[in-house]
């Protein structure tokens, strides 16, 4: 029941943001440590 109410609350929140064309936050950047780890794995 709590999950359903939480989902409904987020749906309403997102709908209002889209309707009023409010800006979206910038996408998160990958942490430097993870980027280095992936680069090292790609070179192997």
PDB file of N, CA and C in Angstrom:
ATOM      1  N   UNK A   1       0.826  -1.198   0.000  1.00  0.00           N
ATOM      2  CA  UNK A   1       0.000   0.000   0.000  1.00  0.00           C
ATOM      3  C   UNK A   1       0.871   1.264   0.000  1.00  0.00           C
ATOM      4  N   UNK A   2       1.925   1.247   0.810  1.00  0.00           N
ATOM      5  CA  UNK A   2       2.802   2.421   0.877  1.00  0.00           C
ATOM      6  C   UNK A   2       3.500   2.632  -0.468  1.00  0.00           C
ATOM      7  N   UNK A   3       3.938   1.540  -1.088  1.00  0.00           N
ATOM      8  CA  UNK A   3       4.607   1.657  -2.384  1.00  0.00           C
ATOM      9  C   UNK A   3       3.696   2.234  -3.448  1.00  0.00           C
ATOM     10  N   UNK A   4       2.431   1.848  -3.421  1.00  0.00           N
ATOM     11  CA  UNK A   4       1.464   2.362  -4.390  1.00  0.00           C
ATOM     12  C   UNK A   4       1.268   3.862  -4.200  1.00  0.00           C
ATOM     13  N   UNK A   5       1.142   4.295  -2.953  1.00  0.00           N
ATOM     14  CA  UNK A   5       0.961   5.725  -2.687  1.00  0.00           C
ATOM     15  C   UNK A   5       2.205   6.522  -3.068  1.00  0.00           C
ATOM     16  N   UNK A   6       3.370   5.956  -2.810  1.00  0.00           N
ATOM     17  CA  UNK A   6       4.610   6.638  -3.164  1.00  0.00           C
ATOM     18  C   UNK A   6       4.728   6.766  -4.678  1.00  0.00           C
ATOM     19  N   UNK A   7       4.402   5.703  -5.399  1.00  0.00           N
ATOM     20  CA  UNK A   7       4.451   5.745  -6.861  1.00  0.00           C
ATOM     21  C   UNK A   7       3.471   6.778  -7.404  1.00  0.00           C
ATOM     22  N   UNK A   8       2.282   6.835  -6.837  1.00  0.00           N
ATOM     23  CA  UNK A   8       1.288   7.814  -7.274  1.00  0.00           C
ATOM     24  C   UNK A   8       1.786   9.235  -7.014  1.00  0.00           C
ATOM     25  N   UNK A   9       2.416   9.443  -5.877  1.00  0.00           N
ATOM     26  CA  UNK A   9       2.941  10.763  -5.537  1.00  0.00           C
ATOM     27  C   UNK A   9       4.023  11.191  -6.536  1.00  0.00           C
ATOM     28  N   UNK A  10       4.925  10.280  -6.890  1.00  0.00           N
ATOM     29  CA  UNK A  10       5.973  10.608  -7.863  1.00  0.00           C
ATOM     30  C   UNK A  10       5.383  10.842  -9.244  1.00  0.00           C
ATOM     31  N   UNK A  11       4.357  10.074  -9.607  1.00  0.00           N
ATOM     32  CA  UNK A  11       3.711  10.260 -10.908  1.00  0.00           C
ATOM     33  C   UNK A  11       3.099  11.657 -10.994  1.00  0.00           C
ATOM     34  N   UNK A  12       2.417  12.075  -9.945  1.00  0.00           N
ATOM     35  CA  UNK A  12       1.816  13.415  -9.932  1.00  0.00           C
ATOM     36  C   UNK A  12       2.911  14.480  -9.991  1.00  0.00           C
ATOM     37  N   UNK A  13       3.949  14.301  -9.217  1.00  0.00           N
ATOM     38  CA  UNK A  13       5.064  15.252  -9.190  1.00  0.00           C
ATOM     39  C   UNK A  13       5.699  15.387 -10.578  1.00  0.00           C
ATOM     40  N   UNK A  14       5.980  14.259 -11.220  1.00  0.00           N
ATOM     41  CA  UNK A  14       6.581  14.292 -12.552  1.00  0.00           C
ATOM     42  C   UNK A  14       5.632  14.892 -13.579  1.00  0.00           C
ATOM     43  N   UNK A  15       4.346  14.596 -13.474  1.00  0.00           N
ATOM     44  CA  UNK A  15       3.363  15.145 -14.412  1.00  0.00           C
ATOM     45  C   UNK A  15       3.306  16.667 -14.312  1.00  0.00           C
ATOM     46  N   UNK A  16       3.339  17.192 -13.100  1.00  0.00           N
ATOM     47  CA  UNK A  16       3.318  18.648 -12.904  1.00  0.00           C
ATOM     48  C   UNK A  16       4.585  19.269 -13.486  1.00  0.00           C
ATOM     49  N   UNK A  17       5.725  18.631 -13.272  1.00  0.00           N
ATOM     50  CA  UNK A  17       6.977  19.163 -13.815  1.00  0.00           C
ATOM     51  C   UNK A  17       6.946  19.197 -15.340  1.00  0.00           C
ATOM     52  N   UNK A  18       6.404  18.159 -15.964  1.00  0.00           N
ATOM     53  CA  UNK A  18       6.322  18.119 -17.423  1.00  0.00           C
ATOM     54  C   UNK A  18       5.331  19.167 -17.921  1.00  0.00           C
ATOM     55  N   UNK A  19       4.186  19.283 -17.265  1.00  0.00           N
ATOM     56  CA  UNK A  19       3.141  20.219 -17.687  1.00  0.00           C
ATOM     57  C   UNK A  19       3.640  21.662 -17.645  1.00  0.00           C
ATOM     58  N   UNK A  20       4.340  22.024 -16.581  1.00  0.00           N
ATOM     59  CA  UNK A  20       4.829  23.389 -16.438  1.00  0.00           C
ATOM     60  C   UNK A  20       6.207  23.593 -17.059  1.00  0.00           C
ATOM     61  N   UNK A  21       6.736  22.547 -17.706  1.00  0.00           N
ATOM     62  CA  UNK A  21       8.034  22.598 -18.392  1.00  0.00           C
ATOM     63  C   UNK A  21       9.142  23.086 -17.462  1.00  0.00           C
ATOM     64  N   UNK A  22       9.156  22.540 -16.257  1.00  0.00           N
ATOM     65  CA  UNK A  22      10.208  22.877 -15.303  1.00  0.00           C
ATOM     66  C   UNK A  22      11.504  22.185 -15.717  1.00  0.00           C
ATOM     67  N   UNK A  23      12.648  22.809 -15.470  1.00  0.00           N
ATOM     68  CA  UNK A  23      13.914  22.211 -15.907  1.00  0.00           C
ATOM     69  C   UNK A  23      14.225  20.925 -15.161  1.00  0.00           C
ATOM     70  N   UNK A  24      14.867  20.026 -15.878  1.00  0.00           N
ATOM     71  CA  UNK A  24      15.288  18.766 -15.274  1.00  0.00           C
ATOM     72  C   UNK A  24      16.692  18.941 -14.727  1.00  0.00           C
ATOM     73  N   UNK A  25      17.045  18.197 -13.695  1.00  0.00           N
ATOM     74  CA  UNK A  25      18.419  18.291 -13.183  1.00  0.00           C
ATOM     75  C   UNK A  25      19.389  17.665 -14.187  1.00  0.00           C
ATOM     76  N   UNK A  26      20.635  18.097 -14.188  1.00  0.00           N
ATOM     77  CA  UNK A  26      21.607  17.496 -15.105  1.00  0.00           C
ATOM     78  C   UNK A  26      21.854  16.038 -14.737  1.00  0.00           C
ATOM     79  N   UNK A  27      22.193  15.217 -15.730  1.00  0.00           N
ATOM     80  CA  UNK A  27      22.465  13.810 -15.416  1.00  0.00           C
ATOM     81  C   UNK A  27      23.703  13.691 -14.530  1.00  0.00           C
ATOM     82  N   UNK A  28      23.750  12.689 -13.675  1.00  0.00           N
ATOM     83  CA  UNK A  28      24.909  12.535 -12.791  1.00  0.00           C
ATOM     84  C   UNK A  28      26.153  12.142 -13.581  1.00  0.00           C
ATOM     85  N   UNK A  29      27.300  12.564 -13.085  1.00  0.00           N
ATOM     86  CA  UNK A  29      28.560  12.201 -13.727  1.00  0.00           C
ATOM     87  C   UNK A  29      29.110  10.932 -13.090  1.00  0.00           C
ATOM     88  N   UNK A  30      29.817  10.159 -13.904  1.00  0.00           N
ATOM     89  CA  UNK A  30      30.418   8.925 -13.410  1.00  0.00           C
ATOM     90  C   UNK A  30      31.584   9.270 -12.481  1.00  0.00           C
ATOM     91  N   UNK A  31      31.681   8.615 -11.334  1.00  0.00           N
ATOM     92  CA  UNK A  31      32.810   8.883 -10.429  1.00  0.00           C
ATOM     93  C   UNK A  31      34.139   8.562 -11.110  1.00  0.00           C
ATOM     94  N   UNK A  32      35.146   9.335 -10.787  1.00  0.00           N
ATOM     95  CA  UNK A  32      36.459   9.161 -11.405  1.00  0.00           C
ATOM     96  C   UNK A  32      37.018   7.766 -11.142  1.00  0.00           C
ATOM     97  N   UNK A  33      36.802   7.238  -9.932  1.00  0.00           N
ATOM     98  CA  UNK A  33      37.328   5.910  -9.601  1.00  0.00           C
ATOM     99  C   UNK A  33      36.692   4.833 -10.478  1.00  0.00           C
ATOM    100  N   UNK A  34      35.389   4.947 -10.734  1.00  0.00           N
ATOM    101  CA  UNK A  34      34.709   3.962 -11.582  1.00  0.00           C
ATOM    102  C   UNK A  34      35.177   4.090 -13.026  1.00  0.00           C
ATOM    103  N   UNK A  35      35.388   5.314 -13.485  1.00  0.00           N
ATOM    104  CA  UNK A  35      35.859   5.529 -14.853  1.00  0.00           C
ATOM    105  C   UNK A  35      37.228   4.888 -15.056  1.00  0.00           C
ATOM    106  N   UNK A  36      38.121   5.070 -14.076  1.00  0.00           N
ATOM    107  CA  UNK A  36      39.459   4.466 -14.171  1.00  0.00           C
ATOM    108  C   UNK A  36      39.371   2.947 -14.156  1.00  0.00           C
ATOM    109  N   UNK A  37      38.478   2.412 -13.328  1.00  0.00           N
ATOM    110  CA  UNK A  37      38.310   0.959 -13.238  1.00  0.00           C
ATOM    111  C   UNK A  37      37.821   0.396 -14.576  1.00  0.00           C
ATOM    112  N   UNK A  38      36.865   1.070 -15.212  1.00  0.00           N
ATOM    113  CA  UNK A  38      36.340   0.593 -16.494  1.00  0.00           C
ATOM    114  C   UNK A  38      37.377   0.715 -17.603  1.00  0.00           C
ATOM    115  N   UNK A  39      38.162   1.792 -17.580  1.00  0.00           N
ATOM    116  CA  UNK A  39      39.223   1.941 -18.578  1.00  0.00           C
ATOM    117  C   UNK A  39      40.262   0.836 -18.430  1.00  0.00           C
ATOM    118  N   UNK A  40      40.614   0.498 -17.194  1.00  0.00           N
ATOM    119  CA  UNK A  40      41.595  -0.564 -16.947  1.00  0.00           C
ATOM    120  C   UNK A  40      41.045  -1.913 -17.406  1.00  0.00           C
ATOM    121  N   UNK A  41      39.761  -2.153 -17.178  1.00  0.00           N
ATOM    122  CA  UNK A  41      39.156  -3.423 -17.591  1.00  0.00           C
ATOM    123  C   UNK A  41      39.070  -3.508 -19.110  1.00  0.00           C
ATOM    124  N   UNK A  42      38.881  -2.382 -19.782  1.00  0.00           N
ATOM    125  CA  UNK A  42      38.778  -2.370 -21.239  1.00  0.00           C
ATOM    126  C   UNK A  42      40.105  -2.617 -21.921  1.00  0.00           C
ATOM    127  N   UNK A  43      41.201  -2.249 -21.279  1.00  0.00           N
ATOM    128  CA  UNK A  43      42.533  -2.428 -21.868  1.00  0.00           C
ATOM    129  C   UNK A  43      43.021  -3.863 -21.754  1.00  0.00           C
ATOM    130  N   UNK A  44      42.472  -4.630 -20.824  1.00  0.00           N
ATOM    131  CA  UNK A  44      42.932  -6.006 -20.586  1.00  0.00           C
ATOM    132  C   UNK A  44      42.572  -6.915 -21.727  1.00  0.00           C
TER     133      UNK A  44
END
